[in-house]
Amino acid sequence: MEEKTNLPLEEKEESAEESEKPSLKKEDATKDSEESTLFSKKKIPFKWTKKTFFYSFLWLAPLLIILDQVTKWLVVNFASGTGPIEVIHHFFYINLTFNKGSSFGMGSDIPWMRYLFIVISWVASAAILYYWIKNLGKNDRIIDILLCFCLAGAIGNGIDRTFYWEGTTSFSGVIDFFQFYIFGYGEGKSSFAIFNVADMYLTCAVFVLVIVLLYREIKGSKAKNK
């Protein structure tokens, strides 16, 4: 006959607790290692190397600014006094204009508004550059590239507003030249806007940045609700 040994209830609970302890220890160790990893990542400072400099895209902003200024001066030298140059019939023209105001010529008739827009241009440029440098290594490459285009756009037009006056050059204001007739061409029809390369940088970058941030916000909220 086999003898059945019945363990007391307390001893059974103690043995069950002891068997669970190793797994709990492993979970605690995993959590500690994850926390230490996250903590160590925060403590590691950003270091400039050839690779980090390339992926910071800081080098791209000067190139974009140069491209903006080169296109403006090419139009000034070769399209000044010619009137609108037709590129695509009744749709796209190169039309040299000088804007002393902000976007779409707002405030161009008020002399002191130009000084306000100069301050806004450089404050915005400084703010973008500060945020960009402060968050190097934290933002992903898409955000860094978009900030680069925003910075180039703000500085590109800031240069025009600050340095291009009739006393220093033969013209005054921001150089605009791209003209599109999106809503038709002819009598009573006006062009969509006259803009430049810096405007394209800024407008497109802000538009894409808003879409990216909204998409990530929606995706993050859906992940939390699951």
Protein backbone atom coordinates (compact mmCIF):
# COMPACT_ATOMS: atom_id res chain seq x y z
CA MET A 1 0.00 0.00 0.00
CA GLU A 2 1.29 3.49 -0.87
CA GLU A 3 1.09 6.12 1.80
CA LYS A 4 -0.33 9.47 0.75
CA THR A 5 1.32 12.42 2.40
CA ASN A 6 -0.92 15.47 2.65
CA LEU A 7 1.02 18.72 3.08
CA PRO A 8 -0.58 21.39 5.24
CA LEU A 9 -2.24 24.26 3.38
CA GLU A 10 0.31 26.82 4.66
CA GLU A 11 3.25 24.75 3.38
CA LYS A 12 1.60 24.46 -0.04
CA GLU A 13 1.16 28.23 -0.27
CA GLU A 14 4.78 28.80 0.77
CA SER A 15 6.07 26.39 -1.86
CA ALA A 16 3.90 28.08 -4.53
CA GLU A 17 5.24 31.49 -3.52
CA GLU A 18 8.82 30.21 -3.65
CA SER A 19 8.27 28.80 -7.14
CA GLU A 20 6.93 32.19 -8.31
CA LYS A 21 9.85 34.14 -6.85
CA PRO A 22 12.38 33.31 -9.59
CA SER A 23 10.02 34.53 -12.34
CA LEU A 24 9.25 37.70 -10.39
CA LYS A 25 12.97 38.29 -9.92
CA LYS A 26 13.50 37.91 -13.66
CA GLU A 27 10.73 40.43 -14.39
CA ASP A 28 12.19 42.89 -11.87
CA ALA A 29 15.65 42.44 -13.37
CA THR A 30 14.26 43.05 -16.86
CA LYS A 31 12.47 46.21 -15.70
CA ASP A 32 15.59 47.44 -13.93
CA SER A 33 17.70 46.87 -17.04
CA GLU A 34 15.14 48.67 -19.24
CA GLU A 35 14.97 51.60 -16.83
CA SER A 36 18.74 51.79 -16.62
CA THR A 37 18.96 51.68 -20.42
CA LEU A 38 16.45 54.50 -20.81
CA PHE A 39 18.17 56.49 -18.10
CA SER A 40 21.54 55.99 -19.68
CA LYS A 41 20.20 57.13 -23.07
CA LYS A 42 19.04 60.39 -21.55
CA LYS A 43 22.43 60.94 -19.99
CA ILE A 44 24.48 60.32 -23.13
CA PRO A 45 25.26 63.77 -24.64
CA PHE A 46 25.08 64.42 -28.36
CA LYS A 47 28.53 64.11 -29.92
CA TRP A 48 29.55 65.69 -33.21
CA THR A 49 31.02 63.19 -35.64
CA LYS A 50 30.97 63.03 -39.43
CA LYS A 51 27.96 60.71 -39.27
CA THR A 52 25.97 62.79 -36.75
CA PHE A 53 26.77 65.98 -38.67
CA PHE A 54 25.50 64.43 -41.91
CA TYR A 55 22.27 63.13 -40.35
CA SER A 56 21.65 66.38 -38.46
CA PHE A 57 21.13 68.03 -41.88
CA LEU A 58 22.62 71.28 -40.58
CA TRP A 59 24.72 71.36 -43.74
CA LEU A 60 21.57 71.35 -45.89
CA ALA A 61 20.21 74.70 -44.68
CA PRO A 62 23.11 76.82 -46.07
CA LEU A 63 22.83 75.04 -49.43
CA LEU A 64 19.10 75.78 -49.61
CA ILE A 65 19.67 79.43 -48.67
CA ILE A 66 22.34 79.77 -51.37
CA LEU A 67 19.99 78.19 -53.94
CA ASP A 68 17.26 80.66 -52.98
CA GLN A 69 19.56 83.67 -53.30
CA VAL A 70 21.08 82.47 -56.58
CA THR A 71 17.66 82.03 -58.21
CA LYS A 72 16.60 85.51 -57.04
CA TRP A 73 19.68 87.21 -58.42
CA LEU A 74 19.46 85.32 -61.70
CA VAL A 75 15.92 86.62 -62.18
CA VAL A 76 16.96 90.16 -61.18
CA ASN A 77 19.82 90.16 -63.70
CA PHE A 78 18.07 88.47 -66.62
CA ALA A 79 14.36 89.24 -66.20
CA SER A 80 14.46 92.83 -64.99
CA GLY A 81 12.46 95.13 -67.24
CA THR A 82 11.29 92.33 -69.55
CA GLY A 83 7.80 91.94 -68.11
CA PRO A 84 6.23 88.53 -67.48
CA ILE A 85 8.07 85.69 -69.23
CA GLU A 86 5.73 82.92 -70.32
CA VAL A 87 6.87 79.41 -69.32
CA ILE A 88 3.59 77.51 -69.69
CA HIS A 89 0.92 79.26 -71.81
CA HIS A 90 -1.71 80.99 -69.67
CA PHE A 91 -0.56 79.13 -66.56
CA PHE A 92 3.05 79.71 -65.40
CA TYR A 93 5.11 82.91 -65.81
CA ILE A 94 8.35 84.38 -64.50
CA ASN A 95 7.28 87.84 -63.34
CA LEU A 96 9.82 89.84 -61.32
CA THR A 97 8.25 91.79 -58.45
CA PHE A 98 9.53 93.26 -55.18
CA ASN A 99 7.45 92.67 -52.10
CA LYS A 100 7.95 95.08 -49.19
CA GLY A 101 5.33 93.36 -47.06
CA SER A 102 4.72 89.81 -45.87
CA SER A 103 3.08 86.90 -47.71
CA PHE A 104 0.80 87.94 -50.58
CA GLY A 105 2.07 91.54 -50.20
CA MET A 106 0.25 92.21 -46.93
CA GLY A 107 1.43 95.42 -45.30
CA SER A 108 3.46 96.56 -48.31
CA ASP A 109 1.77 99.99 -48.29
CA ILE A 110 2.73 100.64 -44.64
CA PRO A 111 6.46 101.57 -44.36
CA TRP A 112 6.96 100.58 -40.71
CA MET A 113 5.49 97.11 -41.32
CA ARG A 114 8.66 96.10 -43.14
CA TYR A 115 10.68 96.62 -39.95
CA LEU A 116 8.20 94.43 -38.07
CA PHE A 117 8.54 91.68 -40.67
CA ILE A 118 12.34 91.89 -40.43
CA VAL A 119 12.14 91.26 -36.68
CA ILE A 120 9.63 88.42 -37.17
CA SER A 121 11.85 86.77 -39.81
CA TRP A 122 14.96 86.71 -37.62
CA VAL A 123 13.14 85.80 -34.40
CA ALA A 124 11.47 82.89 -36.20
CA SER A 125 14.82 81.81 -37.67
CA ALA A 126 16.50 81.94 -34.24
CA ALA A 127 13.63 79.98 -32.65
CA ILE A 128 13.77 77.25 -35.30
CA LEU A 129 17.56 76.99 -35.04
CA TYR A 130 17.45 76.87 -31.21
CA TYR A 131 14.82 74.12 -31.15
CA TRP A 132 16.63 72.19 -33.85
CA ILE A 133 20.04 72.24 -32.12
CA LYS A 134 18.54 71.60 -28.67
CA ASN A 135 16.79 68.46 -29.92
CA LEU A 136 19.64 67.04 -32.00
CA GLY A 137 19.64 63.29 -31.56
CA LYS A 138 16.06 63.29 -30.23
CA ASN A 139 14.06 64.17 -33.35
CA ASP A 140 13.90 61.71 -36.22
CA ARG A 141 15.33 62.54 -39.62
CA ILE A 142 12.00 63.57 -41.15
CA ILE A 143 11.48 66.29 -38.52
CA ASP A 144 15.09 67.46 -38.87
CA ILE A 145 14.76 67.81 -42.65
CA LEU A 146 11.46 69.70 -42.38
CA LEU A 147 12.94 72.07 -39.78
CA CYS A 148 15.88 72.59 -42.13
CA PHE A 149 13.54 73.75 -44.92
CA CYS A 150 11.63 76.01 -42.50
CA LEU A 151 14.90 77.60 -41.38
CA ALA A 152 16.13 78.11 -44.95
CA GLY A 153 12.83 79.71 -45.95
CA ALA A 154 12.77 82.11 -42.99
CA ILE A 155 16.41 83.16 -43.47
CA GLY A 156 16.10 83.43 -47.25
CA ASN A 157 13.34 86.03 -47.07
CA GLY A 158 14.89 87.60 -43.97
CA ILE A 159 18.00 88.42 -46.01
CA ASP A 160 15.89 90.17 -48.65
CA ARG A 161 13.92 92.23 -46.13
CA THR A 162 17.03 93.22 -44.16
CA PHE A 163 19.61 94.01 -46.84
CA TYR A 164 17.80 94.83 -50.09
CA TRP A 165 16.99 98.55 -50.01
CA GLU A 166 17.06 101.12 -52.80
CA GLY A 167 20.09 102.75 -51.18
CA THR A 168 22.15 99.54 -51.34
CA THR A 169 20.67 97.87 -54.42
CA SER A 170 18.64 99.09 -57.36
CA PHE A 171 15.49 97.59 -55.81
CA SER A 172 13.84 97.21 -52.42
CA GLY A 173 12.05 94.30 -50.79
CA VAL A 174 11.72 90.54 -51.14
CA ILE A 175 12.37 89.24 -54.67
CA ASP A 176 9.36 87.28 -55.97
CA PHE A 177 9.05 85.84 -59.46
CA PHE A 178 7.02 82.59 -59.70
CA GLN A 179 3.54 83.46 -60.95
CA PHE A 180 0.78 80.89 -61.51
CA TYR A 181 -2.71 81.39 -62.97
CA ILE A 182 -4.44 78.44 -61.34
CA PHE A 183 -7.98 79.80 -61.68
CA GLY A 184 -7.76 80.81 -65.32
CA TYR A 185 -6.05 83.48 -67.41
CA GLY A 186 -7.52 86.58 -69.00
CA GLU A 187 -9.47 89.71 -68.19
CA GLY A 188 -10.72 89.77 -64.61
CA LYS A 189 -8.50 86.82 -63.69
CA SER A 190 -5.71 87.30 -61.17
CA SER A 191 -2.79 85.00 -60.47
CA PHE A 192 -2.78 82.76 -57.42
CA ALA A 193 0.30 84.44 -55.93
CA ILE A 194 3.78 85.59 -56.86
CA PHE A 195 6.40 83.87 -54.71
CA ASN A 196 9.99 82.66 -54.58
CA VAL A 197 12.01 79.57 -53.65
CA ALA A 198 12.18 80.49 -49.94
CA ASP A 199 8.37 80.71 -49.86
CA MET A 200 8.22 77.21 -51.33
CA TYR A 201 10.59 75.89 -48.65
CA LEU A 202 8.58 77.39 -45.82
CA THR A 203 5.07 76.64 -47.09
CA CYS A 204 5.73 73.04 -48.12
CA ALA A 205 7.72 72.23 -44.96
CA VAL A 206 5.05 73.61 -42.60
CA PHE A 207 2.30 71.78 -44.52
CA VAL A 208 4.12 68.43 -44.40
CA LEU A 209 5.15 68.99 -40.76
CA VAL A 210 1.52 69.49 -39.71
CA ILE A 211 0.45 66.32 -41.56
CA VAL A 212 3.28 64.27 -40.01
CA LEU A 213 2.52 65.48 -36.47
CA LEU A 214 -1.23 64.90 -36.87
CA TYR A 215 -0.66 61.42 -38.28
CA ARG A 216 1.63 60.49 -35.39
CA GLU A 217 -0.80 61.92 -32.84
CA ILE A 218 -3.71 59.92 -34.28
CA LYS A 219 -1.59 56.76 -34.51
CA GLY A 220 -0.40 57.19 -30.92
CA SER A 221 -3.93 57.72 -29.55
CA LYS A 222 -5.18 54.60 -31.38
CA ALA A 223 -2.31 52.55 -29.90
CA LYS A 224 -3.20 53.74 -26.38
CA ASN A 225 -6.87 52.82 -26.79
CA LYS A 226 -6.07 49.24 -27.78
